[in-house]
């Protein structure tokens, strides 16, 4: 126990009064013995890092569906970039870096194949059970779906940060707020980088007002946002940007929605992705026995068919969903 106790003492001595210390956790869904070496939040981070849903993110869309280059972001690389930005901010503000990292690594575990296009389609298809959001699904992954239904049994603080990381959310901890802001910083700037790589944007297309405020490159803009956040969050027990930087980030996101996320090229591919998700959903609703045995087990335990089909499709990677669609709906070539 000495190793964990030393780290807990370090937290008590070094972290901000506004930080969540691992000894202050509200606990887990199920009580369990403490680790001799790691704090509770370090243990949560490791559980997320080693779970199946984390590995699947390497084959899930970030922005561009099925990109043909090796350098485009995936959901996994986005997650790692969010974690790094969040850790930098948390460290500077003397917040709990382990809690911050755990939330960041787990915040997108519930994302569907094909990114937000898949999320929107599942939301429509699952209205009968209240719809679908990736943040709620991320919590469901760590609570119910991992480890064949046992879940990861994470701490309350990590679960809260995962559930409330979206713009509309209200995380209960400053560490959760750091991840919420780091997510916006990461995807706005890295999506610009990928859009330029794809030829959808040129650096000169970015409105001058944002370039002058934040910089000419993704690196400069990320650095400017991180510095602004740290300077305006120090000694105020809050995580926030200056009004000017917040407005600039909001404007940059709006620019990306107009020029990239809702562009005719992107919408055309998103329509195809939504069709795959829709057809798979209706197929498994009619033939649920064709799902993986792990999900059939959930139904045997009393979970509804729609809930199980939704879980199954949400867990799919892009390429697995495409492969299932081809097998189920595309005729095989006939060799004479």
C-alpha atoms as a PDB file:
ATOM      1  CA  UNK A   1       0.000   0.000   0.000  1.00  0.00           C
ATOM      2  CA  UNK A   2       2.992   2.309   0.484  1.00  0.00           C
ATOM      3  CA  UNK A   3       3.259   3.252  -3.209  1.00  0.00           C
ATOM      4  CA  UNK A   4      -0.383   4.294  -3.550  1.00  0.00           C
ATOM      5  CA  UNK A   5      -0.309   6.136  -0.227  1.00  0.00           C
ATOM      6  CA  UNK A   6       2.739   8.109  -1.331  1.00  0.00           C
ATOM      7  CA  UNK A   7       0.921   9.250  -4.467  1.00  0.00           C
ATOM      8  CA  UNK A   8      -2.183  10.139  -2.501  1.00  0.00           C
ATOM      9  CA  UNK A   9      -0.044  12.208  -0.128  1.00  0.00           C
ATOM     10  CA  UNK A  10       1.587  13.923  -3.108  1.00  0.00           C
ATOM     11  CA  UNK A  11      -1.874  14.852  -4.436  1.00  0.00           C
ATOM     12  CA  UNK A  12      -2.862  16.308  -1.062  1.00  0.00           C
ATOM     13  CA  UNK A  13       0.291  18.415  -0.915  1.00  0.00           C
ATOM     14  CA  UNK A  14       0.678  19.530  -4.525  1.00  0.00           C
ATOM     15  CA  UNK A  15      -2.718  19.717  -6.229  1.00  0.00           C
ATOM     16  CA  UNK A  16      -4.984  22.754  -6.214  1.00  0.00           C
ATOM     17  CA  UNK A  17      -7.689  23.003  -3.588  1.00  0.00           C
ATOM     18  CA  UNK A  18     -10.143  22.861  -6.515  1.00  0.00           C
ATOM     19  CA  UNK A  19      -8.733  19.572  -7.855  1.00  0.00           C
ATOM     20  CA  UNK A  20     -10.336  16.224  -7.109  1.00  0.00           C
ATOM     21  CA  UNK A  21      -7.979  14.078  -5.056  1.00  0.00           C
ATOM     22  CA  UNK A  22      -8.198  10.336  -5.608  1.00  0.00           C
ATOM     23  CA  UNK A  23      -8.957   9.852  -1.900  1.00  0.00           C
ATOM     24  CA  UNK A  24     -12.040  12.064  -2.356  1.00  0.00           C
ATOM     25  CA  UNK A  25     -13.694   9.901  -5.024  1.00  0.00           C
ATOM     26  CA  UNK A  26     -17.381   9.182  -4.576  1.00  0.00           C
ATOM     27  CA  UNK A  27     -16.534   5.576  -5.288  1.00  0.00           C
ATOM     28  CA  UNK A  28     -17.376   2.874  -7.796  1.00  0.00           C
ATOM     29  CA  UNK A  29     -20.640   1.188  -8.737  1.00  0.00           C
ATOM     30  CA  UNK A  30     -19.343  -1.903  -6.925  1.00  0.00           C
ATOM     31  CA  UNK A  31     -16.896  -1.767  -4.060  1.00  0.00           C
ATOM     32  CA  UNK A  32     -13.575  -3.501  -4.579  1.00  0.00           C
ATOM     33  CA  UNK A  33     -10.182  -3.669  -2.835  1.00  0.00           C
ATOM     34  CA  UNK A  34      -7.766  -0.809  -3.496  1.00  0.00           C
ATOM     35  CA  UNK A  35      -4.744  -1.313  -5.724  1.00  0.00           C
ATOM     36  CA  UNK A  36      -1.458  -1.441  -3.823  1.00  0.00           C
ATOM     37  CA  UNK A  37       0.381   0.656  -6.413  1.00  0.00           C
ATOM     38  CA  UNK A  38      -2.080   2.842  -8.323  1.00  0.00           C
ATOM     39  CA  UNK A  39      -4.570   5.449  -7.198  1.00  0.00           C
ATOM     40  CA  UNK A  40      -8.214   4.922  -8.160  1.00  0.00           C
ATOM     41  CA  UNK A  41      -8.009   7.322 -11.100  1.00  0.00           C
ATOM     42  CA  UNK A  42      -4.789   5.757 -12.394  1.00  0.00           C
ATOM     43  CA  UNK A  43      -6.519   2.404 -12.249  1.00  0.00           C
ATOM     44  CA  UNK A  44      -9.473   3.768 -14.244  1.00  0.00           C
ATOM     45  CA  UNK A  45      -7.135   5.152 -16.904  1.00  0.00           C
ATOM     46  CA  UNK A  46      -5.480   1.749 -17.279  1.00  0.00           C
ATOM     47  CA  UNK A  47      -8.800  -0.094 -17.494  1.00  0.00           C
ATOM     48  CA  UNK A  48      -9.954   2.176 -20.305  1.00  0.00           C
ATOM     49  CA  UNK A  49      -6.651   1.900 -22.152  1.00  0.00           C
ATOM     50  CA  UNK A  50      -6.796  -1.910 -22.124  1.00  0.00           C
ATOM     51  CA  UNK A  51     -10.478  -2.365 -23.007  1.00  0.00           C
ATOM     52  CA  UNK A  52     -11.742  -3.616 -26.379  1.00  0.00           C
ATOM     53  CA  UNK A  53     -13.740  -0.466 -27.137  1.00  0.00           C
ATOM     54  CA  UNK A  54     -10.555   1.611 -26.925  1.00  0.00           C
ATOM     55  CA  UNK A  55      -8.815  -0.572 -29.505  1.00  0.00           C
ATOM     56  CA  UNK A  56     -11.784  -0.419 -31.862  1.00  0.00           C
ATOM     57  CA  UNK A  57     -11.496   3.374 -32.130  1.00  0.00           C
ATOM     58  CA  UNK A  58      -8.522   3.010 -34.464  1.00  0.00           C
ATOM     59  CA  UNK A  59     -10.970   1.923 -37.182  1.00  0.00           C
ATOM     60  CA  UNK A  60     -13.730   4.452 -36.473  1.00  0.00           C
ATOM     61  CA  UNK A  61     -14.270   7.684 -38.390  1.00  0.00           C
ATOM     62  CA  UNK A  62     -13.248  11.036 -36.952  1.00  0.00           C
ATOM     63  CA  UNK A  63     -14.352  13.295 -39.831  1.00  0.00           C
ATOM     64  CA  UNK A  64     -13.564  11.665 -43.172  1.00  0.00           C
ATOM     65  CA  UNK A  65     -15.285   8.359 -43.854  1.00  0.00           C
ATOM     66  CA  UNK A  66     -12.892   5.642 -45.085  1.00  0.00           C
ATOM     67  CA  UNK A  67     -10.012   7.987 -45.938  1.00  0.00           C
ATOM     68  CA  UNK A  68      -7.414   6.611 -48.338  1.00  0.00           C
ATOM     69  CA  UNK A  69      -4.388   8.149 -46.617  1.00  0.00           C
ATOM     70  CA  UNK A  70      -2.388   7.029 -43.604  1.00  0.00           C
ATOM     71  CA  UNK A  71      -2.276  10.476 -42.003  1.00  0.00           C
ATOM     72  CA  UNK A  72      -5.949  11.273 -41.456  1.00  0.00           C
ATOM     73  CA  UNK A  73      -7.247  11.263 -37.912  1.00  0.00           C
ATOM     74  CA  UNK A  74      -9.292   8.373 -36.619  1.00  0.00           C
ATOM     75  CA  UNK A  75     -11.393   8.347 -33.474  1.00  0.00           C
ATOM     76  CA  UNK A  76      -8.404   6.862 -31.640  1.00  0.00           C
ATOM     77  CA  UNK A  77      -5.838   9.461 -32.698  1.00  0.00           C
ATOM     78  CA  UNK A  78      -8.363  12.196 -31.907  1.00  0.00           C
ATOM     79  CA  UNK A  79      -8.763  10.714 -28.413  1.00  0.00           C
ATOM     80  CA  UNK A  80      -5.009  10.684 -27.842  1.00  0.00           C
ATOM     81  CA  UNK A  81      -4.741  14.305 -28.982  1.00  0.00           C
ATOM     82  CA  UNK A  82      -7.558  15.328 -26.628  1.00  0.00           C
ATOM     83  CA  UNK A  83      -5.801  13.532 -23.771  1.00  0.00           C
ATOM     84  CA  UNK A  84      -2.528  15.335 -24.429  1.00  0.00           C
ATOM     85  CA  UNK A  85      -4.124  18.785 -24.623  1.00  0.00           C
ATOM     86  CA  UNK A  86      -6.176  18.087 -21.499  1.00  0.00           C
ATOM     87  CA  UNK A  87      -3.149  16.859 -19.559  1.00  0.00           C
ATOM     88  CA  UNK A  88      -1.180  19.974 -20.454  1.00  0.00           C
ATOM     89  CA  UNK A  89      -3.963  22.228 -19.145  1.00  0.00           C
ATOM     90  CA  UNK A  90      -4.582  20.109 -16.041  1.00  0.00           C
ATOM     91  CA  UNK A  91      -0.899  20.036 -15.138  1.00  0.00           C
ATOM     92  CA  UNK A  92      -0.543  23.805 -15.455  1.00  0.00           C
ATOM     93  CA  UNK A  93      -3.623  24.378 -13.272  1.00  0.00           C
ATOM     94  CA  UNK A  94      -2.501  21.779 -10.680  1.00  0.00           C
ATOM     95  CA  UNK A  95      -5.584  19.668 -11.299  1.00  0.00           C
ATOM     96  CA  UNK A  96      -5.657  15.876 -11.118  1.00  0.00           C
ATOM     97  CA  UNK A  97      -3.885  14.800 -14.279  1.00  0.00           C
ATOM     98  CA  UNK A  98      -4.792  11.118 -13.823  1.00  0.00           C
ATOM     99  CA  UNK A  99      -8.517  11.873 -13.567  1.00  0.00           C
ATOM    100  CA  UNK A 100      -8.274  14.194 -16.564  1.00  0.00           C
ATOM    101  CA  UNK A 101      -6.505  11.576 -18.665  1.00  0.00           C
ATOM    102  CA  UNK A 102      -8.987   8.839 -17.743  1.00  0.00           C
ATOM    103  CA  UNK A 103     -11.943  11.003 -18.792  1.00  0.00           C
ATOM    104  CA  UNK A 104     -10.215  11.992 -22.027  1.00  0.00           C
ATOM    105  CA  UNK A 105      -9.346   8.421 -22.991  1.00  0.00           C
ATOM    106  CA  UNK A 106     -12.901   7.253 -22.319  1.00  0.00           C
ATOM    107  CA  UNK A 107     -14.943  10.144 -23.668  1.00  0.00           C
ATOM    108  CA  UNK A 108     -15.551   8.699 -27.178  1.00  0.00           C
ATOM    109  CA  UNK A 109     -15.683   4.948 -26.473  1.00  0.00           C
ATOM    110  CA  UNK A 110     -19.359   4.842 -27.465  1.00  0.00           C
ATOM    111  CA  UNK A 111     -18.995   6.482 -30.856  1.00  0.00           C
ATOM    112  CA  UNK A 112     -20.668   4.707 -33.748  1.00  0.00           C
ATOM    113  CA  UNK A 113     -19.102   3.663 -37.038  1.00  0.00           C
ATOM    114  CA  UNK A 114     -18.921   6.561 -39.522  1.00  0.00           C
ATOM    115  CA  UNK A 115     -18.729   9.228 -36.807  1.00  0.00           C
ATOM    116  CA  UNK A 116     -21.608  11.641 -36.304  1.00  0.00           C
ATOM    117  CA  UNK A 117     -23.382  10.379 -39.425  1.00  0.00           C
ATOM    118  CA  UNK A 118     -23.807   6.995 -37.755  1.00  0.00           C
ATOM    119  CA  UNK A 119     -24.787   8.667 -34.496  1.00  0.00           C
ATOM    120  CA  UNK A 120     -27.520  10.741 -36.155  1.00  0.00           C
ATOM    121  CA  UNK A 121     -28.993   7.712 -37.908  1.00  0.00           C
ATOM    122  CA  UNK A 122     -29.037   5.560 -34.771  1.00  0.00           C
ATOM    123  CA  UNK A 123     -30.671   8.430 -32.893  1.00  0.00           C
ATOM    124  CA  UNK A 124     -33.524   8.444 -35.442  1.00  0.00           C
ATOM    125  CA  UNK A 125     -33.858   4.658 -35.490  1.00  0.00           C
ATOM    126  CA  UNK A 126     -33.891   4.340 -31.701  1.00  0.00           C
ATOM    127  CA  UNK A 127     -36.432   7.030 -30.805  1.00  0.00           C
ATOM    128  CA  UNK A 128     -38.649   4.358 -29.283  1.00  0.00           C
ATOM    129  CA  UNK A 129     -36.119   3.913 -26.487  1.00  0.00           C
ATOM    130  CA  UNK A 130     -35.233   7.594 -26.133  1.00  0.00           C
ATOM    131  CA  UNK A 131     -32.780   8.040 -28.982  1.00  0.00           C
ATOM    132  CA  UNK A 132     -29.017   7.696 -29.093  1.00  0.00           C
ATOM    133  CA  UNK A 133     -26.084   9.925 -28.158  1.00  0.00           C
ATOM    134  CA  UNK A 134     -22.448   8.876 -28.215  1.00  0.00           C
ATOM    135  CA  UNK A 135     -21.694  10.303 -24.770  1.00  0.00           C
ATOM    136  CA  UNK A 136     -24.440   8.253 -23.105  1.00  0.00           C
ATOM    137  CA  UNK A 137     -23.277   5.242 -25.110  1.00  0.00           C
ATOM    138  CA  UNK A 138     -19.701   5.809 -23.924  1.00  0.00           C
ATOM    139  CA  UNK A 139     -20.933   5.573 -20.348  1.00  0.00           C
ATOM    140  CA  UNK A 140     -22.913   2.466 -21.268  1.00  0.00           C
ATOM    141  CA  UNK A 141     -19.772   0.885 -22.709  1.00  0.00           C
ATOM    142  CA  UNK A 142     -17.803   1.296 -19.484  1.00  0.00           C
ATOM    143  CA  UNK A 143     -20.750   0.434 -17.215  1.00  0.00           C
ATOM    144  CA  UNK A 144     -22.466  -2.415 -19.049  1.00  0.00           C
ATOM    145  CA  UNK A 145     -20.869  -3.661 -22.261  1.00  0.00           C
ATOM    146  CA  UNK A 146     -17.188  -4.191 -21.553  1.00  0.00           C
ATOM    147  CA  UNK A 147     -15.919  -7.441 -20.028  1.00  0.00           C
ATOM    148  CA  UNK A 148     -18.959  -9.370 -21.329  1.00  0.00           C
ATOM    149  CA  UNK A 149     -21.453  -7.294 -19.428  1.00  0.00           C
ATOM    150  CA  UNK A 150     -19.521  -6.767 -16.208  1.00  0.00           C
ATOM    151  CA  UNK A 151     -18.300  -3.301 -17.181  1.00  0.00           C
ATOM    152  CA  UNK A 152     -15.097  -1.596 -16.059  1.00  0.00           C
ATOM    153  CA  UNK A 153     -16.493  -0.440 -12.696  1.00  0.00           C
ATOM    154  CA  UNK A 154     -15.005   3.048 -12.960  1.00  0.00           C
ATOM    155  CA  UNK A 155     -15.147   5.802 -10.361  1.00  0.00           C
ATOM    156  CA  UNK A 156     -18.028   8.261 -10.264  1.00  0.00           C
ATOM    157  CA  UNK A 157     -15.841  11.193 -11.317  1.00  0.00           C
ATOM    158  CA  UNK A 158     -14.585   9.496 -14.491  1.00  0.00           C
ATOM    159  CA  UNK A 159     -18.085   8.343 -15.401  1.00  0.00           C
ATOM    160  CA  UNK A 160     -19.451  11.877 -14.879  1.00  0.00           C
ATOM    161  CA  UNK A 161     -16.770  13.376 -17.116  1.00  0.00           C
ATOM    162  CA  UNK A 162     -17.459  10.864 -19.884  1.00  0.00           C
ATOM    163  CA  UNK A 163     -21.211  11.445 -19.773  1.00  0.00           C
ATOM    164  CA  UNK A 164     -21.022  15.246 -19.760  1.00  0.00           C
ATOM    165  CA  UNK A 165     -18.132  15.956 -22.136  1.00  0.00           C
ATOM    166  CA  UNK A 166     -20.325  17.347 -24.938  1.00  0.00           C
ATOM    167  CA  UNK A 167     -20.858  21.089 -25.373  1.00  0.00           C
ATOM    168  CA  UNK A 168     -24.294  20.869 -23.774  1.00  0.00           C
ATOM    169  CA  UNK A 169     -22.961  18.966 -20.774  1.00  0.00           C
ATOM    170  CA  UNK A 170     -22.017  20.276 -17.341  1.00  0.00           C
ATOM    171  CA  UNK A 171     -19.201  18.189 -15.831  1.00  0.00           C
ATOM    172  CA  UNK A 172     -19.137  18.111 -12.040  1.00  0.00           C
ATOM    173  CA  UNK A 173     -15.338  18.389 -11.820  1.00  0.00           C
ATOM    174  CA  UNK A 174     -12.830  20.867 -13.206  1.00  0.00           C
ATOM    175  CA  UNK A 175     -11.003  17.906 -14.706  1.00  0.00           C
ATOM    176  CA  UNK A 176     -14.150  17.067 -16.663  1.00  0.00           C
ATOM    177  CA  UNK A 177     -14.398  20.682 -17.834  1.00  0.00           C
ATOM    178  CA  UNK A 178     -10.799  20.549 -19.022  1.00  0.00           C
ATOM    179  CA  UNK A 179     -11.590  17.531 -21.202  1.00  0.00           C
ATOM    180  CA  UNK A 180     -14.744  19.182 -22.533  1.00  0.00           C
ATOM    181  CA  UNK A 181     -12.734  22.190 -23.713  1.00  0.00           C
ATOM    182  CA  UNK A 182      -9.749  20.125 -24.896  1.00  0.00           C
ATOM    183  CA  UNK A 183     -12.115  18.112 -27.103  1.00  0.00           C
ATOM    184  CA  UNK A 184     -13.234  21.288 -28.913  1.00  0.00           C
ATOM    185  CA  UNK A 185      -9.684  22.577 -29.243  1.00  0.00           C
ATOM    186  CA  UNK A 186      -8.509  19.265 -30.677  1.00  0.00           C
ATOM    187  CA  UNK A 187     -11.208  18.491 -33.201  1.00  0.00           C
ATOM    188  CA  UNK A 188     -11.602  22.039 -34.509  1.00  0.00           C
ATOM    189  CA  UNK A 189      -7.932  22.435 -35.322  1.00  0.00           C
ATOM    190  CA  UNK A 190      -7.161  18.880 -36.353  1.00  0.00           C
ATOM    191  CA  UNK A 191     -10.216  18.715 -38.581  1.00  0.00           C
ATOM    192  CA  UNK A 192      -8.887  21.820 -40.360  1.00  0.00           C
ATOM    193  CA  UNK A 193      -5.579  20.025 -40.839  1.00  0.00           C
ATOM    194  CA  UNK A 194      -7.314  16.961 -42.318  1.00  0.00           C
ATOM    195  CA  UNK A 195      -9.570  19.114 -44.519  1.00  0.00           C
ATOM    196  CA  UNK A 196      -6.516  20.859 -45.970  1.00  0.00           C
ATOM    197  CA  UNK A 197      -4.867  17.473 -46.534  1.00  0.00           C
ATOM    198  CA  UNK A 198      -7.997  16.293 -48.345  1.00  0.00           C
ATOM    199  CA  UNK A 199      -8.065  19.357 -50.584  1.00  0.00           C
ATOM    200  CA  UNK A 200     -11.366  20.604 -49.165  1.00  0.00           C
ATOM    201  CA  UNK A 201      -9.731  23.710 -47.708  1.00  0.00           C
ATOM    202  CA  UNK A 202      -6.672  25.861 -48.247  1.00  0.00           C
ATOM    203  CA  UNK A 203      -4.911  27.581 -45.388  1.00  0.00           C
ATOM    204  CA  UNK A 204      -5.900  30.897 -46.993  1.00  0.00           C
ATOM    205  CA  UNK A 205      -9.602  29.940 -46.728  1.00  0.00           C
ATOM    206  CA  UNK A 206      -9.566  30.314 -42.947  1.00  0.00           C
ATOM    207  CA  UNK A 207     -11.056  33.726 -42.092  1.00  0.00           C
ATOM    208  CA  UNK A 208      -8.359  36.304 -41.393  1.00  0.00           C
ATOM    209  CA  UNK A 209      -9.916  37.313 -38.066  1.00  0.00           C
ATOM    210  CA  UNK A 210      -9.227  33.840 -36.638  1.00  0.00           C
ATOM    211  CA  UNK A 211      -5.769  33.545 -38.146  1.00  0.00           C
ATOM    212  CA  UNK A 212      -4.768  36.906 -36.681  1.00  0.00           C
ATOM    213  CA  UNK A 213      -6.165  35.939 -33.290  1.00  0.00           C
ATOM    214  CA  UNK A 214      -4.827  32.377 -33.050  1.00  0.00           C
ATOM    215  CA  UNK A 215      -2.130  31.796 -35.651  1.00  0.00           C
ATOM    216  CA  UNK A 216      -1.495  30.521 -39.176  1.00  0.00           C
ATOM    217  CA  UNK A 217      -0.994  26.806 -38.370  1.00  0.00           C
ATOM    218  CA  UNK A 218      -2.847  24.198 -36.312  1.00  0.00           C
ATOM    219  CA  UNK A 219       0.076  24.074 -33.908  1.00  0.00           C
ATOM    220  CA  UNK A 220       0.004  27.832 -33.367  1.00  0.00           C
ATOM    221  CA  UNK A 221      -3.766  27.874 -32.895  1.00  0.00           C
ATOM    222  CA  UNK A 222      -3.746  24.987 -30.427  1.00  0.00           C
ATOM    223  CA  UNK A 223      -0.940  26.608 -28.467  1.00  0.00           C
ATOM    224  CA  UNK A 224      -2.787  29.930 -28.373  1.00  0.00           C
ATOM    225  CA  UNK A 225      -5.978  28.310 -27.081  1.00  0.00           C
ATOM    226  CA  UNK A 226      -4.145  26.301 -24.433  1.00  0.00           C
ATOM    227  CA  UNK A 227      -2.249  29.357 -23.184  1.00  0.00           C
ATOM    228  CA  UNK A 228      -5.409  31.451 -23.111  1.00  0.00           C
ATOM    229  CA  UNK A 229      -7.261  28.756 -21.159  1.00  0.00           C
ATOM    230  CA  UNK A 230      -4.481  28.383 -18.609  1.00  0.00           C
ATOM    231  CA  UNK A 231      -4.063  32.135 -18.071  1.00  0.00           C
ATOM    232  CA  UNK A 232      -7.787  32.752 -17.614  1.00  0.00           C
ATOM    233  CA  UNK A 233      -8.405  29.682 -15.425  1.00  0.00           C
ATOM    234  CA  UNK A 234      -5.591  30.219 -12.928  1.00  0.00           C
ATOM    235  CA  UNK A 235      -6.704  30.939  -9.350  1.00  0.00           C
ATOM    236  CA  UNK A 236     -10.409  31.161 -10.231  1.00  0.00           C
ATOM    237  CA  UNK A 237     -11.488  27.544  -9.562  1.00  0.00           C
ATOM    238  CA  UNK A 238     -12.956  27.314 -13.056  1.00  0.00           C
ATOM    239  CA  UNK A 239     -11.899  26.306 -16.571  1.00  0.00           C
ATOM    240  CA  UNK A 240     -12.548  28.993 -19.153  1.00  0.00           C
ATOM    241  CA  UNK A 241     -11.197  31.007 -22.045  1.00  0.00           C
ATOM    242  CA  UNK A 242     -11.165  34.746 -22.496  1.00  0.00           C
ATOM    243  CA  UNK A 243     -14.280  36.110 -24.180  1.00  0.00           C
ATOM    244  CA  UNK A 244     -12.324  36.937 -27.340  1.00  0.00           C
ATOM    245  CA  UNK A 245     -10.787  33.465 -27.633  1.00  0.00           C
ATOM    246  CA  UNK A 246     -14.074  31.748 -26.859  1.00  0.00           C
ATOM    247  CA  UNK A 247     -15.801  33.730 -29.616  1.00  0.00           C
ATOM    248  CA  UNK A 248     -12.954  32.953 -32.008  1.00  0.00           C
ATOM    249  CA  UNK A 249     -13.200  29.216 -31.288  1.00  0.00           C
ATOM    250  CA  UNK A 250     -16.972  29.343 -31.758  1.00  0.00           C
ATOM    251  CA  UNK A 251     -16.530  31.188 -35.047  1.00  0.00           C
ATOM    252  CA  UNK A 252     -13.914  28.718 -36.248  1.00  0.00           C
ATOM    253  CA  UNK A 253     -16.236  25.801 -35.466  1.00  0.00           C
ATOM    254  CA  UNK A 254     -19.057  27.510 -37.363  1.00  0.00           C
ATOM    255  CA  UNK A 255     -16.708  27.989 -40.326  1.00  0.00           C
ATOM    256  CA  UNK A 256     -15.884  24.265 -40.282  1.00  0.00           C
ATOM    257  CA  UNK A 257     -19.558  23.302 -40.226  1.00  0.00           C
ATOM    258  CA  UNK A 258     -20.227  25.455 -43.281  1.00  0.00           C
ATOM    259  CA  UNK A 259     -17.161  24.552 -45.284  1.00  0.00           C
ATOM    260  CA  UNK A 260     -16.417  20.952 -44.283  1.00  0.00           C
ATOM    261  CA  UNK A 261     -18.890  19.062 -42.098  1.00  0.00           C
ATOM    262  CA  UNK A 262     -21.943  20.123 -44.146  1.00  0.00           C
ATOM    263  CA  UNK A 263     -20.261  20.455 -47.531  1.00  0.00           C
ATOM    264  CA  UNK A 264     -21.845  18.622 -50.502  1.00  0.00           C
ATOM    265  CA  UNK A 265     -18.896  16.213 -50.683  1.00  0.00           C
ATOM    266  CA  UNK A 266     -19.138  15.301 -46.990  1.00  0.00           C
ATOM    267  CA  UNK A 267     -22.938  15.031 -47.032  1.00  0.00           C
ATOM    268  CA  UNK A 268     -22.823  12.651 -49.993  1.00  0.00           C
ATOM    269  CA  UNK A 269     -20.572  10.222 -48.122  1.00  0.00           C
ATOM    270  CA  UNK A 270     -22.561  10.648 -44.920  1.00  0.00           C
ATOM    271  CA  UNK A 271     -25.748   9.628 -46.770  1.00  0.00           C
ATOM    272  CA  UNK A 272     -24.070   6.391 -47.830  1.00  0.00           C
ATOM    273  CA  UNK A 273     -22.898   5.735 -44.274  1.00  0.00           C
ATOM    274  CA  UNK A 274     -26.378   6.357 -42.873  1.00  0.00           C
ATOM    275  CA  UNK A 275     -27.797   3.866 -45.381  1.00  0.00           C
ATOM    276  CA  UNK A 276     -25.409   1.173 -44.151  1.00  0.00           C
ATOM    277  CA  UNK A 277     -26.336   1.803 -40.511  1.00  0.00           C
ATOM    278  CA  UNK A 278     -30.062   1.823 -41.306  1.00  0.00           C
ATOM    279  CA  UNK A 279     -30.011  -1.408 -43.303  1.00  0.00           C
ATOM    280  CA  UNK A 280     -27.946  -3.207 -40.677  1.00  0.00           C
ATOM    281  CA  UNK A 281     -30.301  -2.011 -37.959  1.00  0.00           C
ATOM    282  CA  UNK A 282     -33.416  -3.347 -39.665  1.00  0.00           C
ATOM    283  CA  UNK A 283     -31.697  -6.598 -40.584  1.00  0.00           C
ATOM    284  CA  UNK A 284     -30.668  -7.371 -37.007  1.00  0.00           C
ATOM    285  CA  UNK A 285     -34.054  -6.299 -35.698  1.00  0.00           C
ATOM    286  CA  UNK A 286     -35.520  -9.017 -37.938  1.00  0.00           C
ATOM    287  CA  UNK A 287     -32.741 -11.560 -37.420  1.00  0.00           C
ATOM    288  CA  UNK A 288     -31.276 -10.852 -33.965  1.00  0.00           C
ATOM    289  CA  UNK A 289     -29.859 -14.373 -33.776  1.00  0.00           C
ATOM    290  CA  UNK A 290     -27.266 -13.300 -36.343  1.00  0.00           C
ATOM    291  CA  UNK A 291     -25.557 -10.983 -33.834  1.00  0.00           C
ATOM    292  CA  UNK A 292     -22.437 -12.004 -31.946  1.00  0.00           C
ATOM    293  CA  UNK A 293     -23.105 -14.407 -29.075  1.00  0.00           C
ATOM    294  CA  UNK A 294     -21.934 -11.806 -26.549  1.00  0.00           C
ATOM    295  CA  UNK A 295     -24.881  -9.593 -27.493  1.00  0.00           C
ATOM    296  CA  UNK A 296     -27.340 -12.484 -27.618  1.00  0.00           C
ATOM    297  CA  UNK A 297     -26.347 -13.082 -24.017  1.00  0.00           C
ATOM    298  CA  UNK A 298     -27.539  -9.572 -23.150  1.00  0.00           C
ATOM    299  CA  UNK A 299     -30.943 -10.379 -24.639  1.00  0.00           C
ATOM    300  CA  UNK A 300     -31.110 -13.612 -22.689  1.00  0.00           C
ATOM    301  CA  UNK A 301     -30.537 -11.568 -19.545  1.00  0.00           C
ATOM    302  CA  UNK A 302     -33.601  -9.429 -20.310  1.00  0.00           C
ATOM    303  CA  UNK A 303     -32.266  -6.563 -22.433  1.00  0.00           C
ATOM    304  CA  UNK A 304     -34.663  -5.473 -25.179  1.00  0.00           C
ATOM    305  CA  UNK A 305     -34.003  -6.371 -28.792  1.00  0.00           C
ATOM    306  CA  UNK A 306     -33.759  -2.733 -29.885  1.00  0.00           C
ATOM    307  CA  UNK A 307     -31.317  -1.872 -27.111  1.00  0.00           C
ATOM    308  CA  UNK A 308     -29.162  -4.864 -28.040  1.00  0.00           C
ATOM    309  CA  UNK A 309     -29.187  -4.135 -31.766  1.00  0.00           C
ATOM    310  CA  UNK A 310     -28.273  -0.522 -31.041  1.00  0.00           C
ATOM    311  CA  UNK A 311     -25.373  -1.626 -28.830  1.00  0.00           C
ATOM    312  CA  UNK A 312     -24.172  -4.082 -31.460  1.00  0.00           C
ATOM    313  CA  UNK A 313     -24.134  -1.563 -34.304  1.00  0.00           C
ATOM    314  CA  UNK A 314     -22.638   1.215 -32.153  1.00  0.00           C
ATOM    315  CA  UNK A 315     -19.748  -1.082 -31.264  1.00  0.00           C
ATOM    316  CA  UNK A 316     -18.910  -1.778 -34.926  1.00  0.00           C
ATOM    317  CA  UNK A 317     -15.889  -0.262 -36.624  1.00  0.00           C
ATOM    318  CA  UNK A 318     -16.330   1.348 -40.036  1.00  0.00           C
ATOM    319  CA  UNK A 319     -14.769  -1.557 -41.883  1.00  0.00           C
ATOM    320  CA  UNK A 320     -16.688  -4.210 -39.933  1.00  0.00           C
ATOM    321  CA  UNK A 321     -19.977  -2.433 -40.706  1.00  0.00           C
ATOM    322  CA  UNK A 322     -19.061  -2.242 -44.398  1.00  0.00           C
ATOM    323  CA  UNK A 323     -18.045  -5.901 -44.432  1.00  0.00           C
ATOM    324  CA  UNK A 324     -21.332  -6.966 -42.812  1.00  0.00           C
ATOM    325  CA  UNK A 325     -23.290  -4.833 -45.274  1.00  0.00           C
ATOM    326  CA  UNK A 326     -21.483  -6.386 -48.226  1.00  0.00           C
ATOM    327  CA  UNK A 327     -22.033  -9.896 -46.924  1.00  0.00           C
ATOM    328  CA  UNK A 328     -25.722  -9.345 -46.224  1.00  0.00           C
ATOM    329  CA  UNK A 329     -26.818  -7.135 -49.122  1.00  0.00           C
ATOM    330  CA  UNK A 330     -24.298  -7.315 -51.989  1.00  0.00           C
ATOM    331  CA  UNK A 331     -24.551 -10.378 -54.297  1.00  0.00           C
ATOM    332  CA  UNK A 332     -21.410 -12.450 -54.606  1.00  0.00           C
ATOM    333  CA  UNK A 333     -19.680 -12.635 -57.972  1.00  0.00           C
ATOM    334  CA  UNK A 334     -20.582 -15.840 -59.767  1.00  0.00           C
ATOM    335  CA  UNK A 335     -17.558 -17.676 -61.174  1.00  0.00           C
ATOM    336  CA  UNK A 336     -18.405 -20.177 -63.885  1.00  0.00           C
END
